[in-house]
Amino acid sequence: MPKSKDARVTIASECTSCTRKEPGDESTGISRYTTRKNRRNTPTRLESKKYCFCCHKHTIHKELKK
């Protein structure tokens, strides 16, 4: 049986402020969330405001590249 192209895919989103840390700064980690999106309805990269447990505030999380 051939593999079916499913419209729903699992994506990972990462905090934008944690990844922009300076090289000398001590980072506690990077906040990542996983979710599912419909590829046909949202072909662009997903961007949402989520709570970052590393920054201890709500920040913008962007979809990662595959």
PDB file of N, CA and C in Angstrom:
ATOM      1  N   MET A   1       0.842  -1.186   0.000  1.00  0.00           N
ATOM      2  CA  MET A   1       0.000   0.000   0.000  1.00  0.00           C
ATOM      3  C   MET A   1       0.884   1.246   0.000  1.00  0.00           C
ATOM      4  N   PRO A   2       0.531   2.218  -0.841  1.00  0.00           N
ATOM      5  CA  PRO A   2       1.306   3.465  -0.852  1.00  0.00           C
ATOM      6  C   PRO A   2       0.976   4.331   0.361  1.00  0.00           C
ATOM      7  N   LYS A   3       1.953   5.138   0.758  1.00  0.00           N
ATOM      8  CA  LYS A   3       1.724   6.053   1.875  1.00  0.00           C
ATOM      9  C   LYS A   3       0.770   7.156   1.441  1.00  0.00           C
ATOM     10  N   SER A   4      -0.174   7.504   2.304  1.00  0.00           N
ATOM     11  CA  SER A   4      -1.118   8.577   1.978  1.00  0.00           C
ATOM     12  C   SER A   4      -0.565   9.906   2.452  1.00  0.00           C
ATOM     13  N   LYS A   5      -0.770  10.945   1.665  1.00  0.00           N
ATOM     14  CA  LYS A   5      -0.355  12.297   2.056  1.00  0.00           C
ATOM     15  C   LYS A   5      -1.431  12.857   2.959  1.00  0.00           C
ATOM     16  N   ASP A   6      -1.161  12.879   4.252  1.00  0.00           N
ATOM     17  CA  ASP A   6      -2.128  13.370   5.218  1.00  0.00           C
ATOM     18  C   ASP A   6      -2.083  14.895   5.245  1.00  0.00           C
ATOM     19  N   ALA A   7      -3.239  15.540   5.361  1.00  0.00           N
ATOM     20  CA  ALA A   7      -3.298  17.000   5.396  1.00  0.00           C
ATOM     21  C   ALA A   7      -2.847  17.532   6.745  1.00  0.00           C
ATOM     22  N   ARG A   8      -3.017  16.748   7.811  1.00  0.00           N
ATOM     23  CA  ARG A   8      -2.628  17.204   9.148  1.00  0.00           C
ATOM     24  C   ARG A   8      -1.212  16.704   9.460  1.00  0.00           C
ATOM     25  N   VAL A   9      -0.362  17.642   9.862  1.00  0.00           N
ATOM     26  CA  VAL A   9       1.016  17.304  10.201  1.00  0.00           C
ATOM     27  C   VAL A   9       1.331  17.798  11.612  1.00  0.00           C
ATOM     28  N   THR A  10       2.261  17.127  12.272  1.00  0.00           N
ATOM     29  CA  THR A  10       2.713  17.545  13.599  1.00  0.00           C
ATOM     30  C   THR A  10       3.867  18.515  13.424  1.00  0.00           C
ATOM     31  N   ILE A  11       3.765  19.670  14.101  1.00  0.00           N
ATOM     32  CA  ILE A  11       4.819  20.682  14.002  1.00  0.00           C
ATOM     33  C   ILE A  11       5.337  21.004  15.395  1.00  0.00           C
ATOM     34  N   ALA A  12       6.536  21.559  15.443  1.00  0.00           N
ATOM     35  CA  ALA A  12       7.122  22.020  16.693  1.00  0.00           C
ATOM     36  C   ALA A  12       7.302  23.521  16.600  1.00  0.00           C
ATOM     37  N   SER A  13       6.982  24.229  17.681  1.00  0.00           N
ATOM     38  CA  SER A  13       7.200  25.673  17.708  1.00  0.00           C
ATOM     39  C   SER A  13       8.156  26.003  18.842  1.00  0.00           C
ATOM     40  N   GLU A  14       9.013  26.997  18.587  1.00  0.00           N
ATOM     41  CA  GLU A  14      10.084  27.333  19.512  1.00  0.00           C
ATOM     42  C   GLU A  14      10.004  28.802  19.905  1.00  0.00           C
ATOM     43  N   CYS A  15      10.368  29.107  21.144  1.00  0.00           N
ATOM     44  CA  CYS A  15      10.368  30.471  21.645  1.00  0.00           C
ATOM     45  C   CYS A  15      11.386  31.300  20.876  1.00  0.00           C
ATOM     46  N   THR A  16      10.992  32.499  20.447  1.00  0.00           N
ATOM     47  CA  THR A  16      11.895  33.350  19.676  1.00  0.00           C
ATOM     48  C   THR A  16      12.855  34.116  20.568  1.00  0.00           C
ATOM     49  N   SER A  17      12.454  34.459  21.779  1.00  0.00           N
ATOM     50  CA  SER A  17      13.346  35.240  22.642  1.00  0.00           C
ATOM     51  C   SER A  17      14.438  34.368  23.270  1.00  0.00           C
ATOM     52  N   CYS A  18      14.204  33.105  23.498  1.00  0.00           N
ATOM     53  CA  CYS A  18      15.232  32.225  24.064  1.00  0.00           C
ATOM     54  C   CYS A  18      16.328  31.925  23.046  1.00  0.00           C
ATOM     55  N   THR A  19      15.989  31.827  21.781  1.00  0.00           N
ATOM     56  CA  THR A  19      16.977  31.490  20.767  1.00  0.00           C
ATOM     57  C   THR A  19      17.865  32.676  20.441  1.00  0.00           C
ATOM     58  N   ARG A  20      17.460  33.896  20.782  1.00  0.00           N
ATOM     59  CA  ARG A  20      18.242  35.083  20.481  1.00  0.00           C
ATOM     60  C   ARG A  20      19.171  35.489  21.614  1.00  0.00           C
ATOM     61  N   LYS A  21      19.461  34.596  22.522  1.00  0.00           N
ATOM     62  CA  LYS A  21      20.358  34.900  23.645  1.00  0.00           C
ATOM     63  C   LYS A  21      21.775  35.153  23.123  1.00  0.00           C
ATOM     64  N   GLU A  22      22.500  35.991  23.816  1.00  0.00           N
ATOM     65  CA  GLU A  22      23.900  36.267  23.469  1.00  0.00           C
ATOM     66  C   GLU A  22      24.753  35.051  23.821  1.00  0.00           C
ATOM     67  N   PRO A  23      25.859  34.838  23.126  1.00  0.00           N
ATOM     68  CA  PRO A  23      26.704  33.666  23.409  1.00  0.00           C
ATOM     69  C   PRO A  23      27.235  33.624  24.838  1.00  0.00           C
ATOM     70  N   GLY A  24      27.481  34.788  25.464  1.00  0.00           N
ATOM     71  CA  GLY A  24      28.018  34.814  26.819  1.00  0.00           C
ATOM     72  C   GLY A  24      26.977  34.599  27.900  1.00  0.00           C
ATOM     73  N   ASP A  25      25.682  34.797  27.570  1.00  0.00           N
ATOM     74  CA  ASP A  25      24.613  34.658  28.569  1.00  0.00           C
ATOM     75  C   ASP A  25      24.392  33.198  28.938  1.00  0.00           C
ATOM     76  N   GLU A  26      24.008  32.985  30.172  1.00  0.00           N
ATOM     77  CA  GLU A  26      23.688  31.639  30.648  1.00  0.00           C
ATOM     78  C   GLU A  26      22.233  31.349  30.313  1.00  0.00           C
ATOM     79  N   SER A  27      21.992  30.380  29.451  1.00  0.00           N
ATOM     80  CA  SER A  27      20.639  30.030  29.041  1.00  0.00           C
ATOM     81  C   SER A  27      20.139  28.847  29.867  1.00  0.00           C
ATOM     82  N   THR A  28      18.885  28.912  30.326  1.00  0.00           N
ATOM     83  CA  THR A  28      18.308  27.814  31.107  1.00  0.00           C
ATOM     84  C   THR A  28      17.711  26.745  30.203  1.00  0.00           C
ATOM     85  N   GLY A  29      17.534  27.051  28.932  1.00  0.00           N
ATOM     86  CA  GLY A  29      16.967  26.095  27.989  1.00  0.00           C
ATOM     87  C   GLY A  29      16.131  26.799  26.952  1.00  0.00           C
ATOM     88  N   ILE A  30      15.503  26.030  26.085  1.00  0.00           N
ATOM     89  CA  ILE A  30      14.655  26.571  25.028  1.00  0.00           C
ATOM     90  C   ILE A  30      13.280  25.953  25.176  1.00  0.00           C
ATOM     91  N   SER A  31      12.250  26.804  25.155  1.00  0.00           N
ATOM     92  CA  SER A  31      10.874  26.350  25.290  1.00  0.00           C
ATOM     93  C   SER A  31      10.347  25.900  23.930  1.00  0.00           C
ATOM     94  N   ARG A  32       9.819  24.678  23.877  1.00  0.00           N
ATOM     95  CA  ARG A  32       9.244  24.152  22.633  1.00  0.00           C
ATOM     96  C   ARG A  32       7.877  23.556  22.912  1.00  0.00           C
ATOM     97  N   TYR A  33       6.946  23.768  21.980  1.00  0.00           N
ATOM     98  CA  TYR A  33       5.615  23.176  22.028  1.00  0.00           C
ATOM     99  C   TYR A  33       5.390  22.379  20.755  1.00  0.00           C
ATOM    100  N   THR A  34       4.580  21.330  20.836  1.00  0.00           N
ATOM    101  CA  THR A  34       4.184  20.585  19.639  1.00  0.00           C
ATOM    102  C   THR A  34       2.687  20.711  19.469  1.00  0.00           C
ATOM    103  N   THR A  35       2.269  20.761  18.218  1.00  0.00           N
ATOM    104  CA  THR A  35       0.851  20.848  17.892  1.00  0.00           C
ATOM    105  C   THR A  35       0.642  20.281  16.500  1.00  0.00           C
ATOM    106  N   ARG A  36      -0.611  20.174  16.085  1.00  0.00           N
ATOM    107  CA  ARG A  36      -0.929  19.688  14.742  1.00  0.00           C
ATOM    108  C   ARG A  36      -1.621  20.793  13.970  1.00  0.00           C
ATOM    109  N   LYS A  37      -1.320  20.875  12.682  1.00  0.00           N
ATOM    110  CA  LYS A  37      -1.968  21.871  11.843  1.00  0.00           C
ATOM    111  C   LYS A  37      -2.375  21.230  10.523  1.00  0.00           C
ATOM    112  N   ASN A  38      -3.375  21.837   9.893  1.00  0.00           N
ATOM    113  CA  ASN A  38      -3.822  21.380   8.593  1.00  0.00           C
ATOM    114  C   ASN A  38      -2.991  22.074   7.524  1.00  0.00           C
ATOM    115  N   ARG A  39      -2.300  21.298   6.727  1.00  0.00           N
ATOM    116  CA  ARG A  39      -1.400  21.835   5.709  1.00  0.00           C
ATOM    117  C   ARG A  39      -2.147  22.610   4.631  1.00  0.00           C
ATOM    118  N   ARG A  40      -3.373  22.218   4.318  1.00  0.00           N
ATOM    119  CA  ARG A  40      -4.147  22.891   3.265  1.00  0.00           C
ATOM    120  C   ARG A  40      -4.710  24.232   3.726  1.00  0.00           C
ATOM    121  N   ASN A  41      -5.175  24.308   4.975  1.00  0.00           N
ATOM    122  CA  ASN A  41      -5.764  25.550   5.484  1.00  0.00           C
ATOM    123  C   ASN A  41      -4.712  26.570   5.902  1.00  0.00           C
ATOM    124  N   THR A  42      -3.582  26.116   6.413  1.00  0.00           N
ATOM    125  CA  THR A  42      -2.518  27.017   6.864  1.00  0.00           C
ATOM    126  C   THR A  42      -1.196  26.620   6.220  1.00  0.00           C
ATOM    127  N   PRO A  43      -0.955  27.046   4.995  1.00  0.00           N
ATOM    128  CA  PRO A  43       0.305  26.680   4.337  1.00  0.00           C
ATOM    129  C   PRO A  43       1.504  27.477   4.854  1.00  0.00           C
ATOM    130  N   THR A  44       1.260  28.634   5.473  1.00  0.00           N
ATOM    131  CA  THR A  44       2.354  29.456   5.987  1.00  0.00           C
ATOM    132  C   THR A  44       2.793  28.940   7.355  1.00  0.00           C
ATOM    133  N   ARG A  45       3.915  29.457   7.833  1.00  0.00           N
ATOM    134  CA  ARG A  45       4.426  29.048   9.142  1.00  0.00           C
ATOM    135  C   ARG A  45       3.536  29.592  10.254  1.00  0.00           C
ATOM    136  N   LEU A  46       3.262  28.750  11.232  1.00  0.00           N
ATOM    137  CA  LEU A  46       2.392  29.096  12.339  1.00  0.00           C
ATOM    138  C   LEU A  46       3.156  29.926  13.367  1.00  0.00           C
ATOM    139  N   GLU A  47       2.474  30.918  13.934  1.00  0.00           N
ATOM    140  CA  GLU A  47       3.069  31.801  14.931  1.00  0.00           C
ATOM    141  C   GLU A  47       2.018  32.043  16.011  1.00  0.00           C
ATOM    142  N   SER A  48       2.353  31.741  17.262  1.00  0.00           N
ATOM    143  CA  SER A  48       1.384  31.914  18.338  1.00  0.00           C
ATOM    144  C   SER A  48       2.085  32.412  19.596  1.00  0.00           C
ATOM    145  N   LYS A  49       1.296  32.989  20.483  1.00  0.00           N
ATOM    146  CA  LYS A  49       1.824  33.510  21.736  1.00  0.00           C
ATOM    147  C   LYS A  49       1.571  32.459  22.818  1.00  0.00           C
ATOM    148  N   LYS A  50       2.661  31.926  23.373  1.00  0.00           N
ATOM    149  CA  LYS A  50       2.584  30.876  24.388  1.00  0.00           C
ATOM    150  C   LYS A  50       3.448  31.263  25.586  1.00  0.00           C
ATOM    151  N   TYR A  51       3.251  30.542  26.682  1.00  0.00           N
ATOM    152  CA  TYR A  51       4.044  30.792  27.887  1.00  0.00           C
ATOM    153  C   TYR A  51       5.387  30.086  27.764  1.00  0.00           C
ATOM    154  N   CYS A  52       6.459  30.833  27.966  1.00  0.00           N
ATOM    155  CA  CYS A  52       7.817  30.277  27.947  1.00  0.00           C
ATOM    156  C   CYS A  52       8.252  30.041  29.385  1.00  0.00           C
ATOM    157  N   PHE A  53       8.515  28.793  29.735  1.00  0.00           N
ATOM    158  CA  PHE A  53       8.915  28.479  31.110  1.00  0.00           C
ATOM    159  C   PHE A  53      10.360  28.865  31.380  1.00  0.00           C
ATOM    160  N   CYS A  54      11.129  29.150  30.339  1.00  0.00           N
ATOM    161  CA  CYS A  54      12.518  29.608  30.539  1.00  0.00           C
ATOM    162  C   CYS A  54      12.561  31.108  30.807  1.00  0.00           C
ATOM    163  N   CYS A  55      11.741  31.875  30.061  1.00  0.00           N
ATOM    164  CA  CYS A  55      11.703  33.337  30.233  1.00  0.00           C
ATOM    165  C   CYS A  55      10.741  33.753  31.347  1.00  0.00           C
ATOM    166  N   HIS A  56       9.828  32.866  31.727  1.00  0.00           N
ATOM    167  CA  HIS A  56       8.782  33.122  32.718  1.00  0.00           C
ATOM    168  C   HIS A  56       7.837  34.245  32.277  1.00  0.00           C
ATOM    169  N   LYS A  57       7.493  34.265  30.984  1.00  0.00           N
ATOM    170  CA  LYS A  57       6.523  35.229  30.457  1.00  0.00           C
ATOM    171  C   LYS A  57       5.973  34.703  29.136  1.00  0.00           C
ATOM    172  N   HIS A  58       4.913  35.349  28.644  1.00  0.00           N
ATOM    173  CA  HIS A  58       4.322  34.982  27.370  1.00  0.00           C
ATOM    174  C   HIS A  58       5.140  35.595  26.236  1.00  0.00           C
ATOM    175  N   THR A  59       5.586  34.747  25.301  1.00  0.00           N
ATOM    176  CA  THR A  59       6.385  35.201  24.172  1.00  0.00           C
ATOM    177  C   THR A  59       5.845  34.583  22.888  1.00  0.00           C
ATOM    178  N   ILE A  60       6.347  35.047  21.766  1.00  0.00           N
ATOM    179  CA  ILE A  60       5.932  34.517  20.468  1.00  0.00           C
ATOM    180  C   ILE A  60       6.722  33.245  20.180  1.00  0.00           C
ATOM    181  N   HIS A  61       6.008  32.199  19.802  1.00  0.00           N
ATOM    182  CA  HIS A  61       6.610  30.921  19.420  1.00  0.00           C
ATOM    183  C   HIS A  61       6.359  30.729  17.930  1.00  0.00           C
ATOM    184  N   LYS A  62       7.427  30.462  17.170  1.00  0.00           N
ATOM    185  CA  LYS A  62       7.321  30.263  15.724  1.00  0.00           C
ATOM    186  C   LYS A  62       7.579  28.812  15.381  1.00  0.00           C
ATOM    187  N   GLU A  63       6.973  28.394  14.269  1.00  0.00           N
ATOM    188  CA  GLU A  63       7.131  27.025  13.782  1.00  0.00           C
ATOM    189  C   GLU A  63       8.567  26.793  13.313  1.00  0.00           C
ATOM    190  N   LEU A  64       9.123  25.626  13.666  1.00  0.00           N
ATOM    191  CA  LEU A  64      10.474  25.290  13.274  1.00  0.00           C
ATOM    192  C   LEU A  64      10.509  24.761  11.845  1.00  0.00           C
ATOM    193  N   LYS A  65      11.681  24.855  11.209  1.00  0.00           N
ATOM    194  CA  LYS A  65      11.878  24.274   9.884  1.00  0.00           C
ATOM    195  C   LYS A  65      12.046  22.776  10.051  1.00  0.00           C
ATOM    196  N   LYS A  66      11.693  22.036   9.023  1.00  0.00           N
ATOM    197  CA  LYS A  66      11.856  20.577   9.060  1.00  0.00           C
ATOM    198  C   LYS A  66      13.191  20.178   8.518  1.00  0.00           C
TER     199      LYS A  66
END
